[in-house]
Amino acid sequence: MTPSATSKQKQQKAAAGIDALTGLGTRAAFQDAVEALPDELPLAIALIDVDDFKRINDELGHAAGDAVLVRLAKTLVGSLPAEAVVARIGGDELAAALPERTAEGALILLEEVRAHLASHDVPDVDRPVTISVGVAARPAHGSRFDDLMRAADQAMYRAKAEGRNRVAIHVDEKMVMKSNYYDRAGLSRLAKLSENSGRTEASLLREALDDLFVKRAGEL
């Protein structure tokens, strides 16, 4: 195929809302798919960014960078539920929409993807490939597409700031760390309960808060 034919094919795919490299939807197609979902449907959005991607391109070449993106795309599509919408929204950043999933449920799924990528080699790439992921969910972190994307983006940058190669859920800036409220013994018991129940500490704390609201409903 000649360069001009390849360029024309890429243009045709872009016009159809398809990323030429990965075969995933584009950002515009992703937004259309998310906004077509019923407003009342619970939804989690994850933004996935390849760690040190520029270094991979600079040191190993763009072919290696492309191979990383293709592997990431295939892993996401093959590992996430069939109803998930996966897209390449720009550069080394991909996104996934997970209908009827909470932030915690999405975190579990994306953590599996993260661990798989980190432990499997990509051909012609001489280093582990890791990702940083930010997760936000409706209605907890917003209802509009732009709000959810912004919240997921903030969570993703927090994941990078905390050391990369991890999945983070959006945290409202107004929230105070739980360590400000509980002593060490209480936090230790919470961690043990989380481990034994297979639930996140955040979900257990929300359950306790919901129980408190029910108990003190007459005062609300």
N, C-alpha and C. Protein backbone atom coordinates (compact mmCIF):
# COMPACT_ATOMS: atom_id res chain seq x y z
N MET A 1 0.84 -1.19 0.00
CA MET A 1 0.00 0.00 0.00
C MET A 1 0.89 1.25 0.00
N THR A 2 0.61 2.20 -0.88
CA THR A 2 1.41 3.41 -0.97
C THR A 2 1.13 4.33 0.20
N PRO A 3 2.08 5.26 0.51
CA PRO A 3 1.85 6.20 1.60
C PRO A 3 0.58 7.01 1.42
N SER A 4 0.27 7.42 0.19
CA SER A 4 -0.94 8.21 -0.04
C SER A 4 -2.20 7.39 0.23
N ALA A 5 -2.16 6.10 -0.12
CA ALA A 5 -3.30 5.23 0.13
C ALA A 5 -3.49 5.00 1.62
N THR A 6 -2.35 4.84 2.33
CA THR A 6 -2.42 4.66 3.78
C THR A 6 -3.00 5.89 4.44
N SER A 7 -2.56 7.07 4.01
CA SER A 7 -3.07 8.33 4.57
C SER A 7 -4.56 8.47 4.31
N LYS A 8 -4.99 8.10 3.11
CA LYS A 8 -6.41 8.20 2.77
C LYS A 8 -7.23 7.25 3.63
N GLN A 9 -6.71 6.04 3.87
CA GLN A 9 -7.41 5.06 4.69
C GLN A 9 -7.56 5.58 6.12
N LYS A 10 -6.51 6.20 6.65
CA LYS A 10 -6.57 6.76 7.99
C LYS A 10 -7.62 7.86 8.07
N GLN A 11 -7.69 8.69 7.04
CA GLN A 11 -8.67 9.77 7.01
C GLN A 11 -10.09 9.21 6.98
N GLN A 12 -10.29 8.14 6.21
CA GLN A 12 -11.61 7.53 6.14
C GLN A 12 -12.04 6.94 7.48
N LYS A 13 -11.08 6.30 8.16
CA LYS A 13 -11.39 5.73 9.48
C LYS A 13 -11.69 6.83 10.49
N ALA A 14 -10.92 7.91 10.44
CA ALA A 14 -11.16 9.02 11.36
C ALA A 14 -12.54 9.60 11.15
N ALA A 15 -12.94 9.72 9.87
CA ALA A 15 -14.27 10.25 9.57
C ALA A 15 -15.36 9.33 10.08
N ALA A 16 -15.05 8.04 10.17
CA ALA A 16 -16.03 7.07 10.66
C ALA A 16 -15.97 6.92 12.17
N GLY A 17 -15.11 7.70 12.82
CA GLY A 17 -15.01 7.63 14.28
C GLY A 17 -14.17 6.47 14.77
N ILE A 18 -13.22 6.00 13.94
CA ILE A 18 -12.38 4.86 14.30
C ILE A 18 -10.92 5.28 14.29
N ASP A 19 -10.19 4.93 15.34
CA ASP A 19 -8.75 5.18 15.39
C ASP A 19 -8.03 4.18 14.50
N ALA A 20 -7.22 4.67 13.58
CA ALA A 20 -6.60 3.80 12.58
C ALA A 20 -5.64 2.80 13.18
N LEU A 21 -4.93 3.16 14.25
CA LEU A 21 -3.92 2.28 14.83
C LEU A 21 -4.55 1.15 15.63
N THR A 22 -5.44 1.48 16.54
CA THR A 22 -5.96 0.49 17.48
C THR A 22 -7.29 -0.13 17.06
N GLY A 23 -7.99 0.53 16.14
CA GLY A 23 -9.32 0.05 15.77
C GLY A 23 -10.40 0.43 16.76
N LEU A 24 -10.02 1.20 17.78
CA LEU A 24 -10.99 1.66 18.77
C LEU A 24 -11.71 2.90 18.27
N GLY A 25 -12.77 3.27 18.99
CA GLY A 25 -13.45 4.51 18.66
C GLY A 25 -12.59 5.72 19.01
N THR A 26 -12.91 6.86 18.40
CA THR A 26 -12.23 8.11 18.71
C THR A 26 -12.90 8.77 19.91
N ARG A 27 -12.36 9.89 20.35
CA ARG A 27 -12.96 10.61 21.47
C ARG A 27 -14.39 11.03 21.14
N ALA A 28 -14.61 11.53 19.92
CA ALA A 28 -15.96 11.95 19.55
C ALA A 28 -16.93 10.78 19.57
N ALA A 29 -16.49 9.64 19.06
CA ALA A 29 -17.36 8.45 19.07
C ALA A 29 -17.62 7.99 20.50
N PHE A 30 -16.60 8.09 21.35
CA PHE A 30 -16.74 7.72 22.76
C PHE A 30 -17.78 8.60 23.44
N GLN A 31 -17.68 9.90 23.23
CA GLN A 31 -18.63 10.82 23.85
C GLN A 31 -20.04 10.54 23.36
N ASP A 32 -20.19 10.30 22.06
CA ASP A 32 -21.53 9.99 21.52
C ASP A 32 -22.10 8.73 22.16
N ALA A 33 -21.26 7.71 22.33
CA ALA A 33 -21.73 6.45 22.92
C ALA A 33 -22.14 6.63 24.37
N VAL A 34 -21.34 7.39 25.13
CA VAL A 34 -21.66 7.61 26.54
C VAL A 34 -22.93 8.44 26.68
N GLU A 35 -23.05 9.50 25.89
CA GLU A 35 -24.20 10.38 26.02
C GLU A 35 -25.49 9.73 25.50
N ALA A 36 -25.36 8.63 24.75
CA ALA A 36 -26.53 7.90 24.28
C ALA A 36 -27.11 6.99 25.36
N LEU A 37 -26.36 6.74 26.42
CA LEU A 37 -26.83 5.89 27.51
C LEU A 37 -27.87 6.64 28.34
N PRO A 38 -28.85 5.93 28.91
CA PRO A 38 -29.86 6.60 29.74
C PRO A 38 -29.21 7.35 30.90
N ASP A 39 -29.72 8.56 31.17
CA ASP A 39 -29.13 9.40 32.22
C ASP A 39 -29.18 8.74 33.58
N GLU A 40 -30.21 7.93 33.81
CA GLU A 40 -30.38 7.33 35.13
C GLU A 40 -29.52 6.07 35.31
N LEU A 41 -28.84 5.63 34.26
CA LEU A 41 -28.05 4.40 34.34
C LEU A 41 -26.73 4.66 35.07
N PRO A 42 -26.43 3.89 36.11
CA PRO A 42 -25.11 4.03 36.76
C PRO A 42 -24.01 3.78 35.73
N LEU A 43 -22.93 4.51 35.88
CA LEU A 43 -21.88 4.44 34.87
C LEU A 43 -20.53 4.79 35.48
N ALA A 44 -19.51 4.03 35.15
CA ALA A 44 -18.14 4.37 35.55
C ALA A 44 -17.33 4.67 34.30
N ILE A 45 -16.47 5.66 34.40
CA ILE A 45 -15.57 6.02 33.31
C ILE A 45 -14.14 5.92 33.82
N ALA A 46 -13.29 5.30 33.03
CA ALA A 46 -11.87 5.17 33.38
C ALA A 46 -11.03 5.80 32.28
N LEU A 47 -10.04 6.59 32.69
CA LEU A 47 -9.05 7.12 31.76
C LEU A 47 -7.74 6.39 32.02
N ILE A 48 -7.16 5.87 30.95
CA ILE A 48 -5.98 5.01 31.05
C ILE A 48 -4.82 5.65 30.29
N ASP A 49 -3.71 5.89 30.98
CA ASP A 49 -2.55 6.55 30.38
C ASP A 49 -1.32 5.66 30.54
N VAL A 50 -0.57 5.48 29.45
CA VAL A 50 0.64 4.65 29.50
C VAL A 50 1.74 5.43 30.20
N ASP A 51 2.35 4.83 31.21
CA ASP A 51 3.43 5.48 31.95
C ASP A 51 4.69 5.57 31.09
N ASP A 52 5.33 6.73 31.14
CA ASP A 52 6.61 6.95 30.43
C ASP A 52 6.51 6.63 28.94
N PHE A 53 5.39 6.96 28.35
CA PHE A 53 5.20 6.62 26.93
C PHE A 53 6.18 7.39 26.04
N LYS A 54 6.44 8.64 26.36
CA LYS A 54 7.37 9.42 25.54
C LYS A 54 8.75 8.78 25.54
N ARG A 55 9.16 8.27 26.69
CA ARG A 55 10.47 7.61 26.78
C ARG A 55 10.51 6.36 25.91
N ILE A 56 9.41 5.61 25.88
CA ILE A 56 9.34 4.42 25.02
C ILE A 56 9.50 4.83 23.57
N ASN A 57 8.78 5.87 23.15
CA ASN A 57 8.90 6.34 21.77
C ASN A 57 10.31 6.85 21.46
N ASP A 58 10.87 7.63 22.38
CA ASP A 58 12.18 8.24 22.13
C ASP A 58 13.30 7.21 22.12
N GLU A 59 13.24 6.24 23.02
CA GLU A 59 14.35 5.29 23.17
C GLU A 59 14.20 4.04 22.31
N LEU A 60 12.96 3.63 22.05
CA LEU A 60 12.74 2.37 21.31
C LEU A 60 12.13 2.59 19.93
N GLY A 61 11.66 3.79 19.66
CA GLY A 61 11.07 4.08 18.36
C GLY A 61 9.55 4.06 18.39
N HIS A 62 8.97 4.72 17.42
CA HIS A 62 7.51 4.83 17.38
C HIS A 62 6.81 3.49 17.12
N ALA A 63 7.50 2.58 16.46
CA ALA A 63 6.90 1.26 16.23
C ALA A 63 6.66 0.56 17.56
N ALA A 64 7.60 0.72 18.48
CA ALA A 64 7.42 0.12 19.81
C ALA A 64 6.27 0.79 20.55
N GLY A 65 6.20 2.11 20.45
CA GLY A 65 5.10 2.82 21.06
C GLY A 65 3.76 2.38 20.51
N ASP A 66 3.69 2.19 19.20
CA ASP A 66 2.46 1.71 18.57
C ASP A 66 2.09 0.32 19.07
N ALA A 67 3.11 -0.53 19.23
CA ALA A 67 2.86 -1.90 19.71
C ALA A 67 2.28 -1.88 21.12
N VAL A 68 2.76 -0.96 21.95
CA VAL A 68 2.24 -0.83 23.31
C VAL A 68 0.77 -0.43 23.27
N LEU A 69 0.43 0.55 22.44
CA LEU A 69 -0.96 1.01 22.36
C LEU A 69 -1.88 -0.09 21.84
N VAL A 70 -1.41 -0.83 20.85
CA VAL A 70 -2.22 -1.93 20.30
C VAL A 70 -2.43 -3.01 21.36
N ARG A 71 -1.38 -3.36 22.11
CA ARG A 71 -1.52 -4.36 23.17
C ARG A 71 -2.49 -3.87 24.25
N LEU A 72 -2.37 -2.60 24.64
CA LEU A 72 -3.27 -2.05 25.65
C LEU A 72 -4.72 -2.10 25.17
N ALA A 73 -4.94 -1.71 23.92
CA ALA A 73 -6.30 -1.72 23.38
C ALA A 73 -6.87 -3.13 23.37
N LYS A 74 -6.08 -4.10 22.91
CA LYS A 74 -6.56 -5.49 22.85
C LYS A 74 -6.83 -6.04 24.25
N THR A 75 -5.99 -5.68 25.20
CA THR A 75 -6.18 -6.17 26.57
C THR A 75 -7.47 -5.59 27.17
N LEU A 76 -7.71 -4.32 26.96
CA LEU A 76 -8.93 -3.69 27.48
C LEU A 76 -10.17 -4.32 26.85
N VAL A 77 -10.18 -4.43 25.55
CA VAL A 77 -11.34 -4.99 24.85
C VAL A 77 -11.57 -6.44 25.25
N GLY A 78 -10.49 -7.19 25.39
CA GLY A 78 -10.62 -8.61 25.72
C GLY A 78 -10.92 -8.89 27.17
N SER A 79 -10.62 -7.92 28.06
CA SER A 79 -10.76 -8.17 29.49
C SER A 79 -11.98 -7.53 30.13
N LEU A 80 -12.43 -6.41 29.58
CA LEU A 80 -13.58 -5.72 30.16
C LEU A 80 -14.88 -6.37 29.69
N PRO A 81 -15.98 -6.14 30.40
CA PRO A 81 -17.26 -6.73 30.00
C PRO A 81 -17.66 -6.33 28.58
N ALA A 82 -18.48 -7.16 27.97
CA ALA A 82 -18.86 -6.96 26.56
C ALA A 82 -19.53 -5.61 26.34
N GLU A 83 -20.24 -5.12 27.36
CA GLU A 83 -20.97 -3.85 27.19
C GLU A 83 -20.08 -2.63 27.37
N ALA A 84 -18.82 -2.83 27.72
CA ALA A 84 -17.91 -1.70 27.90
C ALA A 84 -17.64 -1.01 26.57
N VAL A 85 -17.46 0.30 26.61
CA VAL A 85 -17.09 1.09 25.44
C VAL A 85 -15.65 1.55 25.63
N VAL A 86 -14.77 1.16 24.72
CA VAL A 86 -13.35 1.48 24.84
C VAL A 86 -12.95 2.36 23.66
N ALA A 87 -12.16 3.40 23.93
CA ALA A 87 -11.77 4.32 22.87
C ALA A 87 -10.35 4.83 23.10
N ARG A 88 -9.74 5.27 22.03
CA ARG A 88 -8.48 6.00 22.12
C ARG A 88 -8.83 7.48 21.98
N ILE A 89 -8.61 8.23 23.04
CA ILE A 89 -9.09 9.62 23.03
C ILE A 89 -7.97 10.61 22.73
N GLY A 90 -6.76 10.11 22.52
CA GLY A 90 -5.68 10.99 22.13
C GLY A 90 -4.34 10.49 22.60
N GLY A 91 -3.33 10.49 21.70
CA GLY A 91 -1.97 10.11 22.09
C GLY A 91 -1.93 8.74 22.73
N ASP A 92 -1.40 8.71 23.96
CA ASP A 92 -1.28 7.44 24.68
C ASP A 92 -2.38 7.28 25.70
N GLU A 93 -3.46 8.00 25.53
CA GLU A 93 -4.55 7.96 26.50
C GLU A 93 -5.78 7.25 25.92
N LEU A 94 -6.25 6.24 26.64
CA LEU A 94 -7.45 5.51 26.26
C LEU A 94 -8.51 5.72 27.32
N ALA A 95 -9.74 5.42 26.98
CA ALA A 95 -10.84 5.58 27.92
C ALA A 95 -11.76 4.38 27.82
N ALA A 96 -12.41 4.08 28.93
CA ALA A 96 -13.39 2.99 28.96
C ALA A 96 -14.61 3.45 29.74
N ALA A 97 -15.77 3.19 29.18
CA ALA A 97 -17.04 3.46 29.86
C ALA A 97 -17.65 2.12 30.25
N LEU A 98 -18.06 2.01 31.50
CA LEU A 98 -18.56 0.74 32.03
C LEU A 98 -19.97 0.94 32.58
N PRO A 99 -20.97 0.68 31.76
CA PRO A 99 -22.36 0.84 32.21
C PRO A 99 -22.68 -0.08 33.38
N GLU A 100 -23.50 0.43 34.29
CA GLU A 100 -23.98 -0.32 35.46
C GLU A 100 -22.84 -0.80 36.36
N ARG A 101 -21.78 -0.01 36.43
CA ARG A 101 -20.66 -0.31 37.32
C ARG A 101 -20.42 0.85 38.26
N THR A 102 -20.12 0.54 39.51
CA THR A 102 -19.70 1.56 40.46
C THR A 102 -18.23 1.87 40.24
N ALA A 103 -17.75 2.91 40.90
CA ALA A 103 -16.32 3.23 40.81
C ALA A 103 -15.49 2.07 41.36
N GLU A 104 -15.96 1.47 42.46
CA GLU A 104 -15.22 0.36 43.05
C GLU A 104 -15.20 -0.86 42.13
N GLY A 105 -16.33 -1.12 41.49
CA GLY A 105 -16.38 -2.23 40.55
C GLY A 105 -15.46 -2.02 39.36
N ALA A 106 -15.43 -0.78 38.86
CA ALA A 106 -14.53 -0.46 37.75
C ALA A 106 -13.08 -0.57 38.18
N LEU A 107 -12.78 -0.14 39.41
CA LEU A 107 -11.41 -0.23 39.92
C LEU A 107 -10.92 -1.67 39.90
N ILE A 108 -11.76 -2.60 40.32
CA ILE A 108 -11.38 -4.02 40.34
C ILE A 108 -11.05 -4.50 38.92
N LEU A 109 -11.88 -4.13 37.95
CA LEU A 109 -11.66 -4.57 36.58
C LEU A 109 -10.38 -3.96 36.00
N LEU A 110 -10.18 -2.67 36.24
CA LEU A 110 -8.99 -2.01 35.68
C LEU A 110 -7.72 -2.43 36.40
N GLU A 111 -7.83 -2.79 37.67
CA GLU A 111 -6.66 -3.29 38.39
C GLU A 111 -6.21 -4.62 37.79
N GLU A 112 -7.15 -5.44 37.36
CA GLU A 112 -6.79 -6.69 36.70
C GLU A 112 -6.05 -6.43 35.39
N VAL A 113 -6.53 -5.44 34.63
CA VAL A 113 -5.86 -5.07 33.38
C VAL A 113 -4.46 -4.54 33.67
N ARG A 114 -4.35 -3.66 34.67
CA ARG A 114 -3.04 -3.09 35.03
C ARG A 114 -2.04 -4.19 35.38
N ALA A 115 -2.46 -5.12 36.25
CA ALA A 115 -1.57 -6.19 36.69
C ALA A 115 -1.17 -7.09 35.51
N HIS A 116 -2.10 -7.37 34.62
CA HIS A 116 -1.81 -8.22 33.46
C HIS A 116 -0.76 -7.57 32.57
N LEU A 117 -0.94 -6.30 32.28
CA LEU A 117 0.01 -5.60 31.41
C LEU A 117 1.40 -5.56 32.02
N ALA A 118 1.45 -5.29 33.31
CA ALA A 118 2.75 -5.15 33.98
C ALA A 118 3.53 -6.45 34.04
N SER A 119 2.83 -7.57 33.90
CA SER A 119 3.50 -8.87 34.04
C SER A 119 3.65 -9.63 32.72
N HIS A 120 3.28 -9.00 31.61
CA HIS A 120 3.41 -9.65 30.30
C HIS A 120 4.20 -8.76 29.36
N ASP A 121 5.18 -9.34 28.69
CA ASP A 121 6.03 -8.58 27.78
C ASP A 121 5.28 -8.19 26.52
N VAL A 122 5.67 -7.04 25.99
CA VAL A 122 5.21 -6.61 24.66
C VAL A 122 6.37 -6.82 23.70
N PRO A 123 6.16 -7.49 22.56
CA PRO A 123 7.25 -7.74 21.62
C PRO A 123 8.00 -6.45 21.25
N ASP A 124 9.32 -6.53 21.22
CA ASP A 124 10.19 -5.42 20.85
C ASP A 124 10.21 -4.28 21.87
N VAL A 125 9.64 -4.52 23.03
CA VAL A 125 9.69 -3.52 24.11
C VAL A 125 10.46 -4.14 25.26
N ASP A 126 11.61 -3.57 25.60
CA ASP A 126 12.53 -4.20 26.54
C ASP A 126 12.28 -3.81 28.00
N ARG A 127 11.04 -3.43 28.33
CA ARG A 127 10.73 -3.02 29.70
C ARG A 127 9.27 -3.31 29.99
N PRO A 128 8.92 -3.42 31.26
CA PRO A 128 7.51 -3.64 31.60
C PRO A 128 6.67 -2.44 31.16
N VAL A 129 5.48 -2.72 30.71
CA VAL A 129 4.55 -1.65 30.33
C VAL A 129 3.56 -1.46 31.47
N THR A 130 3.51 -0.26 32.01
CA THR A 130 2.58 0.02 33.11
C THR A 130 1.66 1.16 32.73
N ILE A 131 0.54 1.21 33.42
CA ILE A 131 -0.46 2.24 33.14
C ILE A 131 -0.89 2.89 34.45
N SER A 132 -1.33 4.13 34.34
CA SER A 132 -1.98 4.83 35.44
C SER A 132 -3.43 5.08 35.03
N VAL A 133 -4.34 4.78 35.94
CA VAL A 133 -5.77 4.83 35.60
C VAL A 133 -6.52 5.67 36.61
N GLY A 134 -7.40 6.52 36.11
CA GLY A 134 -8.29 7.29 36.97
C GLY A 134 -9.73 6.89 36.71
N VAL A 135 -10.50 6.74 37.78
CA VAL A 135 -11.88 6.26 37.67
C VAL A 135 -12.84 7.26 38.32
N ALA A 136 -13.93 7.51 37.65
CA ALA A 136 -15.02 8.32 38.21
C ALA A 136 -16.33 7.64 37.84
N ALA A 137 -17.38 7.91 38.62
CA ALA A 137 -18.64 7.21 38.38
C ALA A 137 -19.83 8.15 38.54
N ARG A 138 -20.88 7.82 37.85
CA ARG A 138 -22.16 8.51 37.97
C ARG A 138 -23.09 7.68 38.84
N PRO A 139 -23.76 8.27 39.81
CA PRO A 139 -23.88 9.71 40.08
C PRO A 139 -22.89 10.26 41.10
N ALA A 140 -22.02 9.44 41.66
CA ALA A 140 -21.18 9.89 42.77
C ALA A 140 -20.29 11.07 42.42
N HIS A 141 -19.76 11.11 41.19
CA HIS A 141 -18.77 12.13 40.85
C HIS A 141 -19.23 13.08 39.75
N GLY A 142 -20.49 13.01 39.41
CA GLY A 142 -21.02 13.88 38.37
C GLY A 142 -22.05 13.16 37.54
N SER A 143 -22.74 13.91 36.69
CA SER A 143 -23.76 13.30 35.84
C SER A 143 -23.49 13.55 34.36
N ARG A 144 -22.88 14.69 34.02
CA ARG A 144 -22.59 15.02 32.64
C ARG A 144 -21.28 14.37 32.19
N PHE A 145 -21.18 14.15 30.89
CA PHE A 145 -19.97 13.54 30.32
C PHE A 145 -18.73 14.32 30.69
N ASP A 146 -18.76 15.64 30.50
CA ASP A 146 -17.59 16.46 30.77
C ASP A 146 -17.18 16.39 32.25
N ASP A 147 -18.17 16.36 33.14
CA ASP A 147 -17.87 16.29 34.57
C ASP A 147 -17.19 14.98 34.93
N LEU A 148 -17.68 13.88 34.37
CA LEU A 148 -17.10 12.58 34.66
C LEU A 148 -15.69 12.46 34.08
N MET A 149 -15.49 13.00 32.89
CA MET A 149 -14.16 12.95 32.29
C MET A 149 -13.17 13.78 33.12
N ARG A 150 -13.62 14.92 33.59
CA ARG A 150 -12.75 15.78 34.40
C ARG A 150 -12.38 15.08 35.71
N ALA A 151 -13.37 14.45 36.33
CA ALA A 151 -13.12 13.74 37.60
C ALA A 151 -12.18 12.56 37.39
N ALA A 152 -12.38 11.81 36.31
CA ALA A 152 -11.50 10.67 36.02
C ALA A 152 -10.09 11.15 35.70
N ASP A 153 -9.99 12.28 35.02
CA ASP A 153 -8.68 12.84 34.68
C ASP A 153 -7.93 13.26 35.95
N GLN A 154 -8.64 13.87 36.89
CA GLN A 154 -8.00 14.25 38.16
C GLN A 154 -7.52 13.02 38.92
N ALA A 155 -8.32 11.96 38.89
CA ALA A 155 -7.92 10.71 39.57
C ALA A 155 -6.70 10.10 38.89
N MET A 156 -6.65 10.18 37.56
CA MET A 156 -5.51 9.62 36.83
C MET A 156 -4.22 10.36 37.18
N TYR A 157 -4.29 11.66 37.26
CA TYR A 157 -3.09 12.43 37.61
C TYR A 157 -2.68 12.18 39.05
N ARG A 158 -3.65 11.89 39.91
CA ARG A 158 -3.28 11.52 41.28
C ARG A 158 -2.56 10.18 41.29
N ALA A 159 -3.02 9.24 40.46
CA ALA A 159 -2.36 7.94 40.36
C ALA A 159 -0.90 8.12 39.92
N LYS A 160 -0.66 9.03 38.98
CA LYS A 160 0.71 9.28 38.54
C LYS A 160 1.52 9.95 39.63
N ALA A 161 0.90 10.90 40.33
CA ALA A 161 1.61 11.62 41.38
C ALA A 161 1.99 10.69 42.53
N GLU A 162 1.20 9.64 42.73
CA GLU A 162 1.46 8.71 43.84
C GLU A 162 2.41 7.58 43.45
N GLY A 163 2.97 7.66 42.24
CA GLY A 163 3.99 6.69 41.86
C GLY A 163 3.75 5.93 40.58
N ARG A 164 2.65 6.21 39.88
CA ARG A 164 2.32 5.52 38.63
C ARG A 164 2.01 4.04 38.87
N ASN A 165 1.61 3.36 37.78
CA ASN A 165 1.33 1.92 37.83
C ASN A 165 0.30 1.60 38.90
N ARG A 166 -0.82 2.32 38.87
CA ARG A 166 -1.89 2.09 39.84
C ARG A 166 -3.21 2.64 39.31
N VAL A 167 -4.29 2.26 39.99
CA VAL A 167 -5.63 2.71 39.64
C VAL A 167 -6.15 3.54 40.81
N ALA A 168 -6.69 4.72 40.52
CA ALA A 168 -7.18 5.61 41.57
C ALA A 168 -8.62 6.03 41.27
N ILE A 169 -9.43 6.14 42.31
CA ILE A 169 -10.79 6.63 42.20
C ILE A 169 -10.81 8.11 42.56
N HIS A 170 -11.62 8.87 41.86
CA HIS A 170 -11.72 10.30 42.13
C HIS A 170 -12.12 10.56 43.59
N VAL A 171 -11.44 11.51 44.20
CA VAL A 171 -11.74 11.92 45.57
C VAL A 171 -12.05 13.41 45.55
N ASP A 172 -13.19 13.78 46.08
CA ASP A 172 -13.57 15.19 46.16
C ASP A 172 -12.55 15.94 47.01
N GLU A 173 -12.11 17.08 46.52
CA GLU A 173 -11.10 17.86 47.25
C GLU A 173 -11.59 18.30 48.63
N LYS A 174 -12.91 18.33 48.81
CA LYS A 174 -13.46 18.76 50.08
C LYS A 174 -13.39 17.66 51.14
N MET A 175 -13.15 16.42 50.68
CA MET A 175 -13.10 15.32 51.62
C MET A 175 -11.82 15.36 52.43
N VAL A 176 -11.91 15.00 53.69
CA VAL A 176 -10.75 14.96 54.57
C VAL A 176 -10.33 13.52 54.73
N MET A 177 -9.02 13.28 54.79
CA MET A 177 -8.54 11.91 54.92
C MET A 177 -9.14 11.24 56.15
N LYS A 178 -9.48 9.96 56.00
CA LYS A 178 -10.10 9.24 57.11
C LYS A 178 -9.19 9.15 58.32
N SER A 179 -7.87 9.27 58.12
CA SER A 179 -6.95 9.21 59.25
C SER A 179 -7.11 10.40 60.19
N ASN A 180 -7.81 11.46 59.71
CA ASN A 180 -8.08 12.60 60.59
C ASN A 180 -9.20 12.30 61.56
N TYR A 181 -9.98 11.25 61.29
CA TYR A 181 -11.14 10.95 62.12
C TYR A 181 -10.95 9.71 62.99
N TYR A 182 -10.11 8.80 62.60
CA TYR A 182 -10.00 7.52 63.29
C TYR A 182 -8.59 7.31 63.85
N ASP A 183 -8.51 6.68 65.00
CA ASP A 183 -7.20 6.38 65.56
C ASP A 183 -6.61 5.16 64.85
N ARG A 184 -5.37 4.81 65.18
CA ARG A 184 -4.69 3.72 64.48
C ARG A 184 -5.41 2.39 64.67
N ALA A 185 -5.94 2.16 65.86
CA ALA A 185 -6.65 0.90 66.12
C ALA A 185 -7.88 0.79 65.24
N GLY A 186 -8.60 1.90 65.10
CA GLY A 186 -9.80 1.89 64.25
C GLY A 186 -9.47 1.65 62.80
N LEU A 187 -8.40 2.26 62.32
CA LEU A 187 -7.98 2.07 60.93
C LEU A 187 -7.52 0.64 60.69
N SER A 188 -6.86 0.04 61.69
CA SER A 188 -6.41 -1.34 61.57
C SER A 188 -7.61 -2.29 61.48
N ARG A 189 -8.64 -2.03 62.29
CA ARG A 189 -9.84 -2.87 62.24
C ARG A 189 -10.55 -2.71 60.90
N LEU A 190 -10.58 -1.47 60.38
CA LEU A 190 -11.21 -1.22 59.09
C LEU A 190 -10.48 -1.98 57.98
N ALA A 191 -9.15 -1.96 58.01
CA ALA A 191 -8.36 -2.66 57.00
C ALA A 191 -8.61 -4.17 57.07
N LYS A 192 -8.70 -4.71 58.29
CA LYS A 192 -8.94 -6.15 58.45
C LYS A 192 -10.32 -6.52 57.93
N LEU A 193 -11.33 -5.68 58.24
CA LEU A 193 -12.69 -5.93 57.76
C LEU A 193 -12.73 -5.88 56.24
N SER A 194 -12.00 -4.94 55.66
CA SER A 194 -11.94 -4.83 54.20
C SER A 194 -11.35 -6.09 53.59
N GLU A 195 -10.27 -6.58 54.18
CA GLU A 195 -9.61 -7.78 53.66
C GLU A 195 -10.51 -9.01 53.78
N ASN A 196 -11.18 -9.15 54.93
CA ASN A 196 -12.00 -10.33 55.17
C ASN A 196 -13.30 -10.32 54.36
N SER A 197 -13.81 -9.13 54.09
CA SER A 197 -15.09 -9.03 53.37
C SER A 197 -14.92 -8.93 51.87
N GLY A 198 -13.68 -8.64 51.42
CA GLY A 198 -13.45 -8.48 49.98
C GLY A 198 -14.02 -7.19 49.44
N ARG A 199 -14.21 -6.21 50.30
CA ARG A 199 -14.75 -4.91 49.89
C ARG A 199 -13.73 -3.82 50.19
N THR A 200 -13.87 -2.70 49.47
CA THR A 200 -12.95 -1.59 49.73
C THR A 200 -13.31 -0.90 51.03
N GLU A 201 -12.31 -0.25 51.63
CA GLU A 201 -12.56 0.51 52.85
C GLU A 201 -13.58 1.62 52.60
N ALA A 202 -13.49 2.25 51.42
CA ALA A 202 -14.41 3.34 51.10
C ALA A 202 -15.86 2.86 51.09
N SER A 203 -16.12 1.68 50.52
CA SER A 203 -17.50 1.17 50.47
C SER A 203 -18.02 0.84 51.86
N LEU A 204 -17.12 0.34 52.72
CA LEU A 204 -17.53 0.03 54.10
C LEU A 204 -17.86 1.30 54.87
N LEU A 205 -17.07 2.35 54.65
CA LEU A 205 -17.35 3.62 55.31
C LEU A 205 -18.65 4.23 54.81
N ARG A 206 -18.94 4.09 53.51
CA ARG A 206 -20.21 4.60 52.99
C ARG A 206 -21.38 3.84 53.59
N GLU A 207 -21.22 2.52 53.77
CA GLU A 207 -22.28 1.73 54.39
C GLU A 207 -22.55 2.22 55.81
N ALA A 208 -21.47 2.50 56.54
CA ALA A 208 -21.63 2.99 57.91
C ALA A 208 -22.34 4.35 57.92
N LEU A 209 -22.00 5.19 56.95
CA LEU A 209 -22.63 6.51 56.86
C LEU A 209 -24.11 6.38 56.52
N ASP A 210 -24.43 5.48 55.59
CA ASP A 210 -25.84 5.25 55.24
C ASP A 210 -26.62 4.76 56.45
N ASP A 211 -26.02 3.85 57.23
CA ASP A 211 -26.70 3.35 58.44
C ASP A 211 -26.93 4.49 59.43
N LEU A 212 -25.96 5.40 59.53
CA LEU A 212 -26.12 6.54 60.44
C LEU A 212 -27.28 7.43 60.01
N PHE A 213 -27.40 7.66 58.71
CA PHE A 213 -28.49 8.50 58.22
C PHE A 213 -29.85 7.86 58.49
N VAL A 214 -29.92 6.52 58.35
CA VAL A 214 -31.17 5.83 58.64
C VAL A 214 -31.50 5.93 60.14
N LYS A 215 -30.50 5.72 60.95
CA LYS A 215 -30.68 5.77 62.41
C LYS A 215 -31.11 7.14 62.89
N ARG A 216 -30.56 8.22 62.26
CA ARG A 216 -30.85 9.57 62.72
C ARG A 216 -31.76 10.31 61.74
N ALA A 217 -32.58 9.55 61.01
CA ALA A 217 -33.43 10.17 59.96
C ALA A 217 -34.31 11.28 60.50
N GLY A 218 -34.77 11.12 61.73
CA GLY A 218 -35.65 12.13 62.31
C GLY A 218 -34.99 13.46 62.54
N GLU A 219 -33.67 13.49 62.52
CA GLU A 219 -32.93 14.74 62.75
C GLU A 219 -32.51 15.42 61.45
N LEU A 220 -32.80 14.79 60.33
CA LEU A 220 -32.39 15.35 59.03
C LEU A 220 -33.47 16.28 58.47
